[in-house]
């Protein structure tokens, strides 16, 4: 092979090495959530990209095989060509032949290493990192084709690797992780807000993540702060309470101050005039569900929604009632303060 032919092979092998490097990082870095919509639209390259992402370890075996073979061939083919081309200018120095050979080898090795690292590794890696979704759509199809051509060899390499990994007590995975924990999502949102790519002026997103960590006791209104009525309250008593405080729901308590239910204003609006001075009929008294003070707030919300309850009795570890949980207060933890125009 001529020296110039060796240089041509160097360029070609650098392109091949760069392809496998870029494909490797593209498969790992691409976001499945952005590729899936394209696949649903019928885009063939997107479907192939999803397949590659679902078989990530197989694709990585393919890229590593390609990178290794290309790297070995680069050194084998290009170094002698560059070394031989350097013999002429180095021969003009008058140095001994042994010295010229050693210097030529070192210079050729430096040149080949520089070209390999920069153009065969770093440039394609940075491109794939900067535009992972576009890269995977472009490179997945040829990568999958190569993996099918060399399937027997890659299957042996992949199987051997998985067996060795299991010896260390780690179960191999075929697909790169595309899911996130709640803490990871919160970190992503916080980072995006700082970078200015996500707006959360109302604080709703941040409140949602904080909501999942809150306990019922943090939102409970103590009994001492509750505007309550006696269990024998009349519609007239309810009307006076509404006129004074503006609330539409009132907790009923027995002689010992223990909550026994609650009334909603709309339930007594249609009562006859002769019933306004008599205790509200039992059928209009709504039941209070009970929730543990240390329970997660989101679990309490789910319980209240299932039963259609706007109020809940909160009890501690000893079973003692410590306050009332209002649905409105729970919702405010998610969306911010809700202003009630009727509240006094």
Protein backbone atom coordinates (compact mmCIF):
# COMPACT_ATOMS: atom_id res chain seq x y z
CA UNK A 1 0.00 0.00 0.00
CA UNK A 2 1.31 3.45 -0.91
CA UNK A 3 1.88 6.10 1.72
CA UNK A 4 -0.91 8.28 0.31
CA UNK A 5 -3.20 5.27 0.30
CA UNK A 6 -2.41 4.84 4.00
CA UNK A 7 -3.41 8.44 4.64
CA UNK A 8 -6.67 7.89 2.77
CA UNK A 9 -7.38 4.87 4.96
CA UNK A 10 -6.60 7.02 8.00
CA UNK A 11 -9.32 9.49 7.03
CA UNK A 12 -11.80 6.71 6.32
CA UNK A 13 -11.10 4.89 9.59
CA UNK A 14 -11.38 8.14 11.57
CA UNK A 15 -14.86 8.61 10.07
CA UNK A 16 -15.80 5.02 10.99
CA UNK A 17 -14.46 5.44 14.54
CA UNK A 18 -16.29 8.74 14.89
CA UNK A 19 -19.54 7.13 13.72
CA UNK A 20 -19.41 4.45 16.41
CA UNK A 21 -18.46 6.96 19.13
CA UNK A 22 -21.30 9.32 18.18
CA UNK A 23 -23.78 6.43 17.92
CA UNK A 24 -22.80 5.18 21.38
CA UNK A 25 -23.38 8.51 23.09
CA UNK A 26 -26.52 9.22 21.06
CA UNK A 27 -28.21 5.96 22.14
CA UNK A 28 -27.40 6.69 25.80
CA UNK A 29 -28.16 10.42 25.81
CA UNK A 30 -31.29 10.63 23.62
CA UNK A 31 -34.59 11.28 25.42
CA UNK A 32 -37.16 8.62 24.81
CA UNK A 33 -39.98 11.09 25.55
CA UNK A 34 -38.94 13.16 22.52
CA UNK A 35 -38.37 10.23 20.17
CA UNK A 36 -41.63 8.39 20.91
CA UNK A 37 -43.93 11.08 19.42
CA UNK A 38 -41.96 10.91 16.15
CA UNK A 39 -42.32 7.12 16.11
CA UNK A 40 -46.07 7.43 16.69
CA UNK A 41 -46.24 9.72 13.66
CA UNK A 42 -44.85 6.86 11.58
CA UNK A 43 -41.28 8.09 11.18
CA UNK A 44 -39.20 5.01 10.44
CA UNK A 45 -35.92 6.40 11.76
CA UNK A 46 -37.64 7.16 15.09
CA UNK A 47 -38.95 3.60 15.37
CA UNK A 48 -35.45 2.28 14.68
CA UNK A 49 -34.02 4.69 17.25
CA UNK A 50 -36.48 3.44 19.88
CA UNK A 51 -35.50 -0.14 19.10
CA UNK A 52 -31.83 0.77 19.55
CA UNK A 53 -32.58 2.48 22.87
CA UNK A 54 -34.55 -0.54 24.08
CA UNK A 55 -31.54 -2.77 23.30
CA UNK A 56 -28.91 -0.36 24.60
CA UNK A 57 -26.44 -2.99 25.83
CA UNK A 58 -26.50 -4.73 22.45
CA UNK A 59 -25.89 -1.40 20.70
CA UNK A 60 -23.03 -0.60 23.09
CA UNK A 61 -21.43 -3.93 22.32
CA UNK A 62 -21.67 -3.08 18.62
CA UNK A 63 -20.14 0.36 19.07
CA UNK A 64 -17.33 -0.94 21.27
CA UNK A 65 -16.48 -3.62 18.73
CA UNK A 66 -16.46 -1.03 15.94
CA UNK A 67 -14.34 1.45 17.94
CA UNK A 68 -11.81 -1.22 18.90
CA UNK A 69 -11.38 -2.57 15.35
CA UNK A 70 -11.19 0.92 13.84
CA UNK A 71 -8.62 2.06 16.43
CA UNK A 72 -6.39 -0.94 15.81
CA UNK A 73 -6.55 -0.48 12.04
CA UNK A 74 -5.77 3.24 12.34
CA UNK A 75 -2.54 2.48 14.15
CA UNK A 76 -1.71 -0.43 11.89
CA UNK A 77 -2.33 1.32 8.56
CA UNK A 78 -1.58 4.99 9.11
CA UNK A 79 1.45 4.96 11.39
CA UNK A 80 3.77 3.23 8.87
CA UNK A 81 2.59 5.57 6.08
CA UNK A 82 3.22 8.73 8.13
CA UNK A 83 6.49 7.31 9.44
CA UNK A 84 7.72 6.61 5.92
CA UNK A 85 6.73 10.11 4.70
CA UNK A 86 8.76 11.63 7.53
CA UNK A 87 11.92 9.78 6.53
CA UNK A 88 12.63 12.25 3.69
CA UNK A 89 12.57 15.52 5.71
CA UNK A 90 14.23 13.86 8.71
CA UNK A 91 16.96 12.48 6.41
CA UNK A 92 18.02 16.04 5.58
CA UNK A 93 18.99 16.60 9.20
CA UNK A 94 22.02 14.34 8.88
CA UNK A 95 21.05 12.30 11.92
CA UNK A 96 21.93 8.61 12.14
CA UNK A 97 19.43 6.23 10.56
CA UNK A 98 18.54 4.71 13.93
CA UNK A 99 17.77 8.15 15.36
CA UNK A 100 15.70 9.10 12.30
CA UNK A 101 13.67 5.90 12.69
CA UNK A 102 12.99 6.52 16.39
CA UNK A 103 12.11 10.20 15.92
CA UNK A 104 9.89 9.39 12.93
CA UNK A 105 8.04 6.72 14.94
CA UNK A 106 7.42 9.10 17.88
CA UNK A 107 6.21 11.94 15.62
CA UNK A 108 3.96 9.57 13.63
CA UNK A 109 2.52 8.17 16.87
CA UNK A 110 1.81 11.68 18.20
CA UNK A 111 0.11 12.73 14.95
CA UNK A 112 -2.02 9.59 14.76
CA UNK A 113 -2.97 9.82 18.46
CA UNK A 114 -3.94 13.50 18.12
CA UNK A 115 -6.10 12.85 15.04
CA UNK A 116 -7.67 9.79 16.64
CA UNK A 117 -8.52 11.49 19.94
CA UNK A 118 -9.77 14.77 18.43
CA UNK A 119 -11.51 13.72 15.22
CA UNK A 120 -12.25 10.11 16.07
CA UNK A 121 -13.41 10.59 19.67
CA UNK A 122 -13.97 14.09 21.04
CA UNK A 123 -15.61 15.82 18.07
CA UNK A 124 -18.25 13.10 17.41
CA UNK A 125 -18.84 12.69 21.17
CA UNK A 126 -19.52 16.40 21.64
CA UNK A 127 -21.80 16.51 18.61
CA UNK A 128 -23.82 13.57 19.94
CA UNK A 129 -24.02 15.16 23.40
CA UNK A 130 -25.09 18.52 22.01
CA UNK A 131 -27.82 17.11 19.75
CA UNK A 132 -28.62 13.60 21.06
CA UNK A 133 -32.11 13.31 19.60
CA UNK A 134 -31.10 14.33 16.08
CA UNK A 135 -27.99 12.16 16.34
CA UNK A 136 -29.87 9.03 17.33
CA UNK A 137 -32.38 9.52 14.50
CA UNK A 138 -29.51 9.80 12.02
CA UNK A 139 -27.19 7.10 13.39
CA UNK A 140 -29.52 4.43 14.79
CA UNK A 141 -30.41 2.92 11.40
CA UNK A 142 -26.81 2.18 10.25
CA UNK A 143 -25.90 1.08 13.80
CA UNK A 144 -28.75 -1.43 13.91
CA UNK A 145 -27.73 -2.67 10.46
CA UNK A 146 -24.14 -3.28 11.64
CA UNK A 147 -25.40 -5.06 14.76
CA UNK A 148 -27.43 -7.43 12.58
CA UNK A 149 -24.54 -8.13 10.21
CA UNK A 150 -22.21 -9.03 13.08
CA UNK A 151 -24.93 -10.46 15.30
CA UNK A 152 -23.16 -13.77 16.13
CA UNK A 153 -19.96 -12.04 17.24
CA UNK A 154 -21.82 -9.37 19.19
CA UNK A 155 -24.08 -11.95 20.84
CA UNK A 156 -21.01 -13.82 22.12
CA UNK A 157 -19.42 -10.61 23.42
CA UNK A 158 -22.66 -9.44 25.03
CA UNK A 159 -23.39 -12.81 26.61
CA UNK A 160 -19.88 -13.03 28.04
CA UNK A 161 -20.14 -9.52 29.42
CA UNK A 162 -23.53 -10.17 31.05
CA UNK A 163 -22.19 -13.34 32.64
CA UNK A 164 -19.22 -11.50 34.14
CA UNK A 165 -21.45 -8.69 35.37
CA UNK A 166 -23.70 -11.19 37.16
CA UNK A 167 -20.64 -12.56 38.98
CA UNK A 168 -20.41 -9.18 40.70
CA UNK A 169 -24.03 -9.44 41.83
CA UNK A 170 -25.36 -6.92 39.31
CA UNK A 171 -28.27 -7.77 37.02
CA UNK A 172 -27.59 -6.50 33.48
CA UNK A 173 -30.16 -4.23 31.86
CA UNK A 174 -30.95 -4.04 28.18
CA UNK A 175 -32.54 -0.58 28.14
CA UNK A 176 -31.06 2.68 29.29
CA UNK A 177 -33.05 4.19 32.17
CA UNK A 178 -35.68 6.68 30.98
CA UNK A 179 -37.58 7.09 34.24
CA UNK A 180 -36.91 9.39 37.18
CA UNK A 181 -37.62 9.36 40.88
CA UNK A 182 -39.58 12.19 42.48
CA UNK A 183 -36.39 13.74 43.88
CA UNK A 184 -34.75 13.57 40.44
CA UNK A 185 -37.74 15.28 38.81
CA UNK A 186 -37.67 17.99 41.48
CA UNK A 187 -33.97 18.55 40.81
CA UNK A 188 -34.61 18.75 37.07
CA UNK A 189 -37.37 21.32 37.57
CA UNK A 190 -35.22 23.36 39.97
CA UNK A 191 -32.28 23.35 37.55
CA UNK A 192 -34.52 24.29 34.62
CA UNK A 193 -35.95 27.22 36.59
CA UNK A 194 -32.47 28.52 37.41
CA UNK A 195 -31.43 28.22 33.78
CA UNK A 196 -34.54 30.09 32.68
CA UNK A 197 -35.93 27.27 30.50
CA UNK A 198 -38.92 26.67 32.77
CA UNK A 199 -41.21 29.29 34.26
CA UNK A 200 -43.00 28.68 37.58
CA UNK A 201 -44.08 32.16 38.60
CA UNK A 202 -46.96 30.89 40.73
CA UNK A 203 -44.79 28.30 42.47
CA UNK A 204 -47.25 25.52 41.64
CA UNK A 205 -44.58 23.06 40.47
CA UNK A 206 -42.44 23.57 43.55
CA UNK A 207 -45.49 23.28 45.79
CA UNK A 208 -46.41 19.98 44.15
CA UNK A 209 -43.06 18.41 45.05
CA UNK A 210 -43.22 19.77 48.60
CA UNK A 211 -46.81 18.48 48.90
CA UNK A 212 -45.68 14.87 48.56
CA UNK A 213 -43.51 15.23 51.68
CA UNK A 214 -46.09 16.94 53.91
CA UNK A 215 -48.00 15.25 56.73
CA UNK A 216 -51.60 15.79 57.79
CA UNK A 217 -50.52 17.43 61.07
CA UNK A 218 -48.83 20.27 59.15
CA UNK A 219 -52.13 21.43 57.65
CA UNK A 220 -54.51 20.54 60.47
CA UNK A 221 -56.45 23.39 62.09
CA UNK A 222 -56.43 22.95 65.91
CA UNK A 223 -59.81 22.58 67.65
CA UNK A 224 -59.25 25.83 69.51
CA UNK A 225 -59.29 27.74 66.22
CA UNK A 226 -62.38 26.03 64.80
CA UNK A 227 -65.63 28.01 64.50
CA UNK A 228 -67.99 25.28 65.71
CA UNK A 229 -71.63 24.83 66.69
CA UNK A 230 -73.26 22.60 69.25
CA UNK A 231 -74.67 19.29 68.10
CA UNK A 232 -78.20 20.63 68.74
CA UNK A 233 -77.63 23.74 66.57
CA UNK A 234 -80.64 25.11 64.70
CA UNK A 235 -80.75 26.53 61.18
CA UNK A 236 -81.03 29.96 62.78
CA UNK A 237 -77.78 29.33 64.68
CA UNK A 238 -76.15 28.34 61.39
CA UNK A 239 -77.38 31.48 59.67
CA UNK A 240 -76.00 33.67 62.45
CA UNK A 241 -72.65 31.90 62.24
CA UNK A 242 -72.54 32.46 58.48
CA UNK A 243 -73.35 36.14 58.93
CA UNK A 244 -70.57 36.48 61.50
CA UNK A 245 -67.74 34.48 59.93
CA UNK A 246 -68.76 33.91 56.31
CA UNK A 247 -67.90 30.18 56.30
CA UNK A 248 -70.25 27.75 54.59
CA UNK A 249 -69.34 24.64 56.64
CA UNK A 250 -69.38 24.32 60.42
CA UNK A 251 -68.21 21.52 62.69
CA UNK A 252 -70.74 20.23 65.23
CA UNK A 253 -69.33 19.30 68.63
CA UNK A 254 -70.86 17.45 71.57
CA UNK A 255 -70.82 18.53 75.22
CA UNK A 256 -67.18 17.51 75.63
CA UNK A 257 -66.08 19.42 72.56
CA UNK A 258 -65.59 16.31 70.44
CA UNK A 259 -66.47 16.78 66.74
CA UNK A 260 -69.47 14.64 65.75
CA UNK A 261 -70.16 15.89 62.22
CA UNK A 262 -70.56 19.07 60.22
CA UNK A 263 -73.21 21.14 58.50
CA UNK A 264 -73.18 22.78 55.09
CA UNK A 265 -75.20 25.94 54.65
CA UNK A 266 -76.88 24.78 51.45
CA UNK A 267 -78.36 21.74 53.22
CA UNK A 268 -80.63 23.87 55.41
CA UNK A 269 -81.62 26.65 53.01
CA UNK A 270 -84.78 24.86 51.91
CA UNK A 271 -86.11 24.09 55.40
CA UNK A 272 -89.52 25.46 56.28
CA UNK A 273 -89.76 28.52 58.50
CA UNK A 274 -91.21 26.50 61.37
CA UNK A 275 -88.04 24.34 61.38
CA UNK A 276 -85.52 27.16 61.76
CA UNK A 277 -85.74 27.17 65.56
CA UNK A 278 -85.50 23.42 65.95
CA UNK A 279 -82.25 21.40 65.83
CA UNK A 280 -81.14 20.56 62.31
CA UNK A 281 -82.48 17.12 61.35
CA UNK A 282 -79.89 14.35 61.67
CA UNK A 283 -80.17 13.54 57.96
CA UNK A 284 -78.57 16.90 57.15
CA UNK A 285 -75.57 16.34 59.42
CA UNK A 286 -72.60 15.20 57.35
CA UNK A 287 -70.26 12.57 58.72
CA UNK A 288 -66.63 13.34 59.54
CA UNK A 289 -64.07 10.84 58.33
CA UNK A 290 -61.00 10.33 60.50
CA UNK A 291 -57.36 10.57 59.38
CA UNK A 292 -54.14 9.97 61.31
CA UNK A 293 -52.07 13.08 62.01
CA UNK A 294 -48.84 11.45 60.78
CA UNK A 295 -50.38 10.19 57.52
CA UNK A 296 -49.12 11.60 54.23
CA UNK A 297 -51.17 14.57 53.09
CA UNK A 298 -51.63 13.16 49.58
CA UNK A 299 -53.11 9.96 51.07
CA UNK A 300 -55.54 12.03 53.15
CA UNK A 301 -56.52 13.97 50.03
CA UNK A 302 -57.22 10.73 48.16
CA UNK A 303 -59.38 9.49 51.06
CA UNK A 304 -61.37 12.72 51.20
CA UNK A 305 -61.91 12.73 47.43
CA UNK A 306 -63.16 9.13 47.42
CA UNK A 307 -65.76 9.91 50.08
CA UNK A 308 -66.63 13.39 48.81
CA UNK A 309 -65.70 14.84 52.22
CA UNK A 310 -64.61 18.44 52.67
CA UNK A 311 -63.68 18.03 56.35
CA UNK A 312 -61.94 15.29 58.30
CA UNK A 313 -61.28 14.68 61.99
CA UNK A 314 -57.56 14.39 62.75
CA UNK A 315 -56.42 12.14 65.58
CA UNK A 316 -52.98 11.45 67.09
CA UNK A 317 -51.26 8.21 68.10
CA UNK A 318 -53.35 8.03 71.29
CA UNK A 319 -56.58 8.40 69.32
CA UNK A 320 -57.23 11.90 70.67
CA UNK A 321 -58.79 14.42 68.32
CA UNK A 322 -56.32 17.24 67.73
CA UNK A 323 -58.07 19.24 65.01
CA UNK A 324 -59.88 19.34 61.69
CA UNK A 325 -58.45 18.94 58.18
CA UNK A 326 -60.16 21.13 55.59
CA UNK A 327 -60.07 20.19 51.91
CA UNK A 328 -59.58 23.85 51.05
CA UNK A 329 -56.36 23.96 53.10
CA UNK A 330 -55.08 20.82 51.38
CA UNK A 331 -55.73 22.31 47.94
CA UNK A 332 -53.99 25.54 48.97
CA UNK A 333 -50.83 23.52 49.55
CA UNK A 334 -50.89 22.73 45.82
CA UNK A 335 -52.15 25.90 44.14
CA UNK A 336 -51.49 28.61 46.70
CA UNK A 337 -53.93 30.57 48.83
CA UNK A 338 -57.56 30.41 47.77
CA UNK A 339 -59.33 33.68 48.58
CA UNK A 340 -62.87 33.24 49.87
CA UNK A 341 -64.90 36.37 49.11
CA UNK A 342 -67.48 35.49 51.80
CA UNK A 343 -64.97 35.01 54.63
CA UNK A 344 -65.16 37.66 57.33
